[in-house]
C-alpha atoms as a PDB file:
ATOM      1  CA  MET A   1     -11.896   4.866 -20.248  1.00  0.00           C
ATOM      2  CA  GLU A   2     -13.580   1.568 -18.713  1.00  0.00           C
ATOM      3  CA  VAL A   3     -11.596   0.627 -15.511  1.00  0.00           C
ATOM      4  CA  LYS A   4     -12.504  -2.257 -12.820  1.00  0.00           C
ATOM      5  CA  LEU A   5      -9.819  -3.180 -10.080  1.00  0.00           C
ATOM      6  CA  TYR A   6     -10.553  -6.054  -8.203  1.00  0.00           C
ATOM      7  CA  GLY A   7     -10.030  -6.588  -4.479  1.00  0.00           C
ATOM      8  CA  THR A   8     -11.206  -5.675  -0.939  1.00  0.00           C
ATOM      9  CA  GLU A   9     -10.957  -2.568   0.540  1.00  0.00           C
ATOM     10  CA  GLU A  10      -9.347  -3.838   3.694  1.00  0.00           C
ATOM     11  CA  SER A  11      -6.531  -5.130   1.661  1.00  0.00           C
ATOM     12  CA  VAL A  12      -2.924  -3.511   1.645  1.00  0.00           C
ATOM     13  CA  TYR A  13      -2.462  -4.163  -2.016  1.00  0.00           C
ATOM     14  CA  THR A  14      -5.809  -3.211  -3.341  1.00  0.00           C
ATOM     15  CA  ARG A  15      -5.173   0.313  -1.142  1.00  0.00           C
ATOM     16  CA  ILE A  16      -2.405   0.805  -2.995  1.00  0.00           C
ATOM     17  CA  VAL A  17      -3.862   0.457  -7.231  1.00  0.00           C
ATOM     18  CA  ARG A  18      -6.846   2.752  -5.904  1.00  0.00           C
ATOM     19  CA  LEU A  19      -4.262   5.457  -3.863  1.00  0.00           C
ATOM     20  CA  VAL A  20      -2.964   5.490  -7.556  1.00  0.00           C
ATOM     21  CA  LEU A  21      -5.841   5.714  -9.090  1.00  0.00           C
ATOM     22  CA  LEU A  22      -7.314   8.294  -7.201  1.00  0.00           C
ATOM     23  CA  ALA A  23      -4.102  10.075  -7.802  1.00  0.00           C
ATOM     24  CA  LYS A  24      -4.666   9.787 -11.304  1.00  0.00           C
ATOM     25  CA  LYS A  25      -8.460  11.082 -11.118  1.00  0.00           C
ATOM     26  CA  VAL A  26      -9.562   8.166 -12.579  1.00  0.00           C
ATOM     27  CA  GLU A  27     -12.811   6.379 -11.857  1.00  0.00           C
ATOM     28  CA  PHE A  28     -13.317   3.028 -11.345  1.00  0.00           C
ATOM     29  CA  ALA A  29     -15.248   0.060 -10.411  1.00  0.00           C
ATOM     30  CA  LEU A  30     -14.132  -1.343  -7.120  1.00  0.00           C
ATOM     31  CA  ILE A  31     -15.148  -5.019  -7.804  1.00  0.00           C
ATOM     32  CA  GLU A  32     -15.292  -7.602  -4.451  1.00  0.00           C
ATOM     33  CA  ALA A  33     -12.397 -10.207  -5.018  1.00  0.00           C
ATOM     34  CA  ASP A  34     -12.284 -12.307  -1.512  1.00  0.00           C
ATOM     35  CA  PRO A  35      -8.779 -14.614  -1.625  1.00  0.00           C
ATOM     36  CA  PHE A  36      -9.370 -15.249   1.849  1.00  0.00           C
ATOM     37  CA  GLU A  37     -10.674 -17.690   4.089  1.00  0.00           C
ATOM     38  CA  GLY A  38     -14.507 -17.204   3.611  1.00  0.00           C
ATOM     39  CA  GLY A  39     -14.291 -14.866   0.762  1.00  0.00           C
ATOM     40  CA  ILE A  40     -15.659 -15.273  -2.379  1.00  0.00           C
ATOM     41  CA  LEU A  41     -14.147 -14.563  -5.638  1.00  0.00           C
ATOM     42  CA  PRO A  42     -15.505 -14.366  -9.280  1.00  0.00           C
ATOM     43  CA  GLU A  43     -16.728 -17.363 -10.495  1.00  0.00           C
ATOM     44  CA  ASP A  44     -13.872 -16.206 -13.843  1.00  0.00           C
ATOM     45  CA  TYR A  45     -11.502 -14.611 -11.553  1.00  0.00           C
ATOM     46  CA  ASP A  46      -8.913 -17.384 -13.172  1.00  0.00           C
ATOM     47  CA  LEU A  47      -8.287 -15.833 -15.563  1.00  0.00           C
ATOM     48  CA  ARG A  48      -7.818 -12.005 -14.533  1.00  0.00           C
ATOM     49  CA  HIS A  49      -5.294 -13.748 -12.017  1.00  0.00           C
ATOM     50  CA  PRO A  50      -3.762 -17.441 -12.681  1.00  0.00           C
ATOM     51  CA  PHE A  51      -2.677 -17.731  -8.440  1.00  0.00           C
ATOM     52  CA  LYS A  52      -5.713 -15.795  -7.805  1.00  0.00           C
ATOM     53  CA  ARG A  53      -4.212 -13.514  -5.598  1.00  0.00           C
ATOM     54  CA  ILE A  54      -4.798  -9.583  -4.813  1.00  0.00           C
ATOM     55  CA  PRO A  55      -5.791  -6.674  -6.924  1.00  0.00           C
ATOM     56  CA  ALA A  56      -6.495  -7.469 -10.574  1.00  0.00           C
ATOM     57  CA  LEU A  57      -6.723  -4.593 -13.361  1.00  0.00           C
ATOM     58  CA  GLU A  58      -9.287  -4.594 -16.759  1.00  0.00           C
ATOM     59  CA  MET A  59      -8.177  -0.734 -17.980  1.00  0.00           C
ATOM     60  CA  ASP A  60      -9.961  -0.764 -20.998  1.00  0.00           C
ATOM     61  CA  GLY A  61      -8.992  -4.280 -22.121  1.00  0.00           C
ATOM     62  CA  VAL A  62      -6.013  -4.238 -21.086  1.00  0.00           C
ATOM     63  CA  ARG A  63      -6.129  -7.321 -18.181  1.00  0.00           C
ATOM     64  CA  LEU A  64      -3.115  -7.009 -16.012  1.00  0.00           C
ATOM     65  CA  TYR A  65      -1.959  -8.193 -12.180  1.00  0.00           C
ATOM     66  CA  GLU A  66       1.000  -8.311  -9.993  1.00  0.00           C
ATOM     67  CA  THR A  67       0.587  -4.551  -7.814  1.00  0.00           C
ATOM     68  CA  ASP A  68       3.559  -3.071  -8.959  1.00  0.00           C
ATOM     69  CA  VAL A  69       3.068  -4.304 -12.699  1.00  0.00           C
ATOM     70  CA  ILE A  70      -0.550  -2.409 -12.448  1.00  0.00           C
ATOM     71  CA  VAL A  71       0.744   0.298 -10.536  1.00  0.00           C
ATOM     72  CA  HIS A  72       3.581   1.198 -13.511  1.00  0.00           C
ATOM     73  CA  TYR A  73       1.322   0.782 -15.970  1.00  0.00           C
ATOM     74  CA  ILE A  74      -1.242   2.946 -14.513  1.00  0.00           C
ATOM     75  CA  ASP A  75       1.211   5.874 -14.686  1.00  0.00           C
ATOM     76  CA  ALA A  76       2.155   5.270 -17.979  1.00  0.00           C
ATOM     77  CA  VAL A  77      -1.312   5.613 -19.385  1.00  0.00           C
ATOM     78  CA  ILE A  78      -2.367   8.494 -17.297  1.00  0.00           C
ATOM     79  CA  GLU A  79       0.512  11.416 -18.082  1.00  0.00           C
ATOM     80  CA  HIS A  80      -0.700  13.266 -15.604  1.00  0.00           C
ATOM     81  CA  PRO A  81       0.380  14.001 -12.604  1.00  0.00           C
ATOM     82  CA  ARG A  82       3.212  11.909 -12.856  1.00  0.00           C
ATOM     83  CA  LEU A  83       3.621   9.324 -10.456  1.00  0.00           C
ATOM     84  CA  VAL A  84       7.341   8.221 -11.484  1.00  0.00           C
ATOM     85  CA  PRO A  85      10.563  10.588 -10.909  1.00  0.00           C
ATOM     86  CA  SER A  86      11.874  12.366 -13.442  1.00  0.00           C
ATOM     87  CA  ARG A  87      15.771  11.595 -12.071  1.00  0.00           C
ATOM     88  CA  ALA A  88      16.928   8.677 -12.045  1.00  0.00           C
ATOM     89  CA  GLU A  89      18.412   7.771  -8.543  1.00  0.00           C
ATOM     90  CA  ASP A  90      14.900   9.710  -7.395  1.00  0.00           C
ATOM     91  CA  SER A  91      13.031   7.094  -9.290  1.00  0.00           C
ATOM     92  CA  ALA A  92      15.262   3.923  -8.280  1.00  0.00           C
ATOM     93  CA  ARG A  93      14.974   4.914  -4.963  1.00  0.00           C
ATOM     94  CA  MET A  94      11.307   5.499  -5.057  1.00  0.00           C
ATOM     95  CA  ARG A  95      11.033   1.005  -6.357  1.00  0.00           C
ATOM     96  CA  GLN A  96      13.564   0.766  -3.753  1.00  0.00           C
ATOM     97  CA  ILE A  97      11.143   2.421  -1.042  1.00  0.00           C
ATOM     98  CA  MET A  98       8.239  -0.267  -2.569  1.00  0.00           C
ATOM     99  CA  ARG A  99      10.355  -3.294  -2.383  1.00  0.00           C
ATOM    100  CA  ILE A 100      11.333  -2.897   0.488  1.00  0.00           C
ATOM    101  CA  VAL A 101       7.778  -2.311   1.651  1.00  0.00           C
ATOM    102  CA  ASP A 102       6.498  -5.612   0.467  1.00  0.00           C
ATOM    103  CA  ASN A 103      10.181  -7.372   0.484  1.00  0.00           C
ATOM    104  CA  TYR A 104      10.398  -6.310   4.113  1.00  0.00           C
ATOM    105  CA  ALA A 105       7.810  -4.545   5.631  1.00  0.00           C
ATOM    106  CA  TYR A 106       4.270  -5.927   4.757  1.00  0.00           C
ATOM    107  CA  ARG A 107       4.494  -9.307   6.727  1.00  0.00           C
ATOM    108  CA  PRO A 108       5.784  -7.958   9.354  1.00  0.00           C
ATOM    109  CA  LEU A 109       3.531  -4.374   9.726  1.00  0.00           C
ATOM    110  CA  VAL A 110       0.390  -6.323   8.385  1.00  0.00           C
ATOM    111  CA  TRP A 111       0.349  -9.973   9.716  1.00  0.00           C
ATOM    112  CA  GLY A 112       2.719  -9.458  11.967  1.00  0.00           C
ATOM    113  CA  LEU A 113       1.845  -6.676  14.043  1.00  0.00           C
ATOM    114  CA  TYR A 114      -2.224  -5.654  13.000  1.00  0.00           C
ATOM    115  CA  VAL A 115      -3.705  -8.936  11.501  1.00  0.00           C
ATOM    116  CA  PRO A 116      -2.898 -10.292  15.326  1.00  0.00           C
ATOM    117  CA  VAL A 117      -4.812  -7.668  16.831  1.00  0.00           C
ATOM    118  CA  TYR A 118      -7.428  -6.418  15.002  1.00  0.00           C
ATOM    119  CA  TRP A 119      -8.259  -9.441  13.681  1.00  0.00           C
ATOM    120  CA  ARG A 120      -7.169 -12.671  16.107  1.00  0.00           C
ATOM    121  CA  GLU A 121      -9.058 -10.723  19.200  1.00  0.00           C
ATOM    122  CA  GLY A 122      -6.223  -8.867  20.691  1.00  0.00           C
ATOM    123  CA  LEU A 123      -3.414 -11.769  19.863  1.00  0.00           C
ATOM    124  CA  ASP A 124       0.275 -10.502  21.360  1.00  0.00           C
ATOM    125  CA  PRO A 125       2.677 -10.647  18.405  1.00  0.00           C
ATOM    126  CA  ALA A 126       5.344 -12.399  18.841  1.00  0.00           C
ATOM    127  CA  ASP A 127       9.034 -11.121  18.942  1.00  0.00           C
ATOM    128  CA  GLU A 128      10.640 -11.901  16.015  1.00  0.00           C
ATOM    129  CA  ASP A 129       7.674  -9.856  13.894  1.00  0.00           C
ATOM    130  CA  ILE A 130       8.126  -6.398  16.275  1.00  0.00           C
ATOM    131  CA  GLU A 131      11.902  -6.595  15.559  1.00  0.00           C
ATOM    132  CA  LYS A 132      11.612  -6.382  12.055  1.00  0.00           C
ATOM    133  CA  SER A 133       8.929  -4.261  11.843  1.00  0.00           C
ATOM    134  CA  ARG A 134      11.175  -1.882  14.522  1.00  0.00           C
ATOM    135  CA  HIS A 135      14.706  -2.430  11.949  1.00  0.00           C
ATOM    136  CA  VAL A 136      12.158  -1.856   8.773  1.00  0.00           C
ATOM    137  CA  LEU A 137      10.392   1.083  10.003  1.00  0.00           C
ATOM    138  CA  GLY A 138      14.198   2.808  10.873  1.00  0.00           C
ATOM    139  CA  VAL A 139      15.294   2.062   6.877  1.00  0.00           C
ATOM    140  CA  LEU A 140      12.598   3.827   6.048  1.00  0.00           C
ATOM    141  CA  GLU A 141      12.479   6.189   7.933  1.00  0.00           C
ATOM    142  CA  GLY A 142      16.290   7.254   6.623  1.00  0.00           C
ATOM    143  CA  PHE A 143      14.234   8.345   3.116  1.00  0.00           C
ATOM    144  CA  VAL A 144      13.259  10.435   4.410  1.00  0.00           C
ATOM    145  CA  ASN A 145      16.091  13.293   4.518  1.00  0.00           C
ATOM    146  CA  SER A 146      18.294  10.603   2.506  1.00  0.00           C
ATOM    147  CA  SER A 147      16.244  10.581  -0.104  1.00  0.00           C
ATOM    148  CA  PRO A 148      12.616  12.845   0.245  1.00  0.00           C
ATOM    149  CA  GLU A 149      11.909  12.788  -3.859  1.00  0.00           C
ATOM    150  CA  ALA A 150      12.092   9.525  -3.418  1.00  0.00           C
ATOM    151  CA  GLY A 151       8.279   9.777  -2.683  1.00  0.00           C
ATOM    152  CA  LEU A 152       8.305  11.552   0.420  1.00  0.00           C
ATOM    153  CA  ASN A 153       7.786  14.772  -0.397  1.00  0.00           C
ATOM    154  CA  ASP A 154       5.706  15.313  -3.863  1.00  0.00           C
ATOM    155  CA  ARG A 155       3.854  12.502  -4.165  1.00  0.00           C
ATOM    156  CA  THR A 156       5.384   8.823  -5.792  1.00  0.00           C
ATOM    157  CA  LEU A 157       4.194   5.366  -6.609  1.00  0.00           C
ATOM    158  CA  ALA A 158       6.356   4.773  -3.067  1.00  0.00           C
ATOM    159  CA  THR A 159       4.022   7.594  -0.860  1.00  0.00           C
ATOM    160  CA  CYS A 160       1.144   5.263  -1.756  1.00  0.00           C
ATOM    161  CA  TYR A 161       3.190   1.630  -0.999  1.00  0.00           C
ATOM    162  CA  LEU A 162       4.692   3.440   1.933  1.00  0.00           C
ATOM    163  CA  ALA A 163       1.701   5.324   3.409  1.00  0.00           C
ATOM    164  CA  SER A 164      -0.861   2.046   2.658  1.00  0.00           C
ATOM    165  CA  VAL A 165       1.265  -0.277   5.895  1.00  0.00           C
ATOM    166  CA  LEU A 166       1.815   2.600   7.558  1.00  0.00           C
ATOM    167  CA  ALA A 167      -1.651   2.586   7.815  1.00  0.00           C
ATOM    168  CA  ALA A 168      -2.582  -0.857   8.765  1.00  0.00           C
ATOM    169  CA  ALA A 169      -0.187  -0.773  11.283  1.00  0.00           C
ATOM    170  CA  ASP A 170      -0.655   2.541  12.948  1.00  0.00           C
ATOM    171  CA  SER A 171      -4.397   0.943  13.809  1.00  0.00           C
ATOM    172  CA  VAL A 172      -2.929  -1.096  16.570  1.00  0.00           C
ATOM    173  CA  ALA A 173      -1.169   0.210  19.817  1.00  0.00           C
ATOM    174  CA  PRO A 174       2.156  -1.954  19.297  1.00  0.00           C
ATOM    175  CA  GLY A 175       2.399  -0.482  15.968  1.00  0.00           C
ATOM    176  CA  SER A 176       1.657   3.199  16.946  1.00  0.00           C
ATOM    177  CA  ARG A 177       4.432   2.843  19.481  1.00  0.00           C
ATOM    178  CA  LEU A 178       6.456   1.912  16.981  1.00  0.00           C
ATOM    179  CA  ILE A 179       6.199   4.371  14.434  1.00  0.00           C
ATOM    180  CA  ASP A 180       6.354   6.772  17.399  1.00  0.00           C
ATOM    181  CA  GLU A 181       9.658   4.949  18.147  1.00  0.00           C
ATOM    182  CA  ARG A 182      10.924   7.130  14.597  1.00  0.00           C
ATOM    183  CA  PRO A 183       9.482  10.457  14.937  1.00  0.00           C
ATOM    184  CA  ARG A 184      10.545  12.345  10.907  1.00  0.00           C
ATOM    185  CA  LEU A 185       8.417   8.977   9.920  1.00  0.00           C
ATOM    186  CA  ARG A 186       6.006   9.666  12.709  1.00  0.00           C
ATOM    187  CA  GLY A 187       5.748  13.546  11.407  1.00  0.00           C
ATOM    188  CA  TRP A 188       5.210  12.688   7.618  1.00  0.00           C
ATOM    189  CA  TRP A 189       2.862  10.083   7.560  1.00  0.00           C
ATOM    190  CA  ASN A 190       0.453  12.378   9.671  1.00  0.00           C
ATOM    191  CA  HIS A 191       0.675  14.434   7.701  1.00  0.00           C
ATOM    192  CA  ILE A 192      -0.487  12.561   4.267  1.00  0.00           C
ATOM    193  CA  LYS A 193      -3.156  10.318   6.255  1.00  0.00           C
ATOM    194  CA  THR A 194      -5.354  12.913   6.353  1.00  0.00           C
ATOM    195  CA  GLU A 195      -5.180  14.259   3.193  1.00  0.00           C
ATOM    196  CA  PRO A 196      -8.414  13.026   1.025  1.00  0.00           C
ATOM    197  CA  ILE A 197      -7.064  10.453  -0.814  1.00  0.00           C
ATOM    198  CA  MET A 198      -6.225   8.266   2.105  1.00  0.00           C
ATOM    199  CA  VAL A 199      -9.436   9.546   3.385  1.00  0.00           C
ATOM    200  CA  LYS A 200     -11.600   8.314   0.506  1.00  0.00           C
ATOM    201  CA  THR A 201      -9.250   4.837   0.633  1.00  0.00           C
ATOM    202  CA  ARG A 202      -9.595   3.839   4.951  1.00  0.00           C
ATOM    203  CA  SER A 203     -11.461   0.809   4.866  1.00  0.00           C
ATOM    204  CA  LYS A 204     -13.567  -0.196   8.267  1.00  0.00           C
ATOM    205  CA  HIS A 205     -11.211  -1.737   9.749  1.00  0.00           C
ATOM    206  CA  THR A 206      -8.184   0.810   9.643  1.00  0.00           C
ATOM    207  CA  LYS A 207      -8.101   4.488  11.933  1.00  0.00           C
ATOM    208  CA  PHE A 208      -6.070   6.106   8.784  1.00  0.00           C
END
């Protein structure tokens, strides 16, 4: 099986796909595709992603973009280990965590906390981003007890989503302090951040 993943090592969403591929023990080539300011995209990248975002995947000739689509396809094609729970409610809660990350966690935790402090020479996060981050971390912590099978006990697609955003947030002091306010979430994160697939996908721009 030939697998090409287009993205960057420091991209949160590229890392999600990398985590899924490694969890499935799939060998792949990571091909640099950087759509951000100063970055370079492969010449034919518009054929892989018409909106020129990352990540994009080519798997035995099948070309896909959008992280959610990619990871569900990988889970469907590579049967073991399954990363989508078999029980309907657990599967629904898994998707709920994934959508929370997409819609409410990624922007404040990564662009609101991590990017200003790390990439913009220590700028203070905006108060609005701190409060949004505090709120979404509280919501996510609720899943530790209410729906652990969605991704907080055994590994699921949601595990990869949540771990990727927490890795960025916990790399800067404001994010670490906010995660510390959620001891159950902190405990889960402290355990998973040392797993081999997390260590293998760590970029030089994050601590975890």
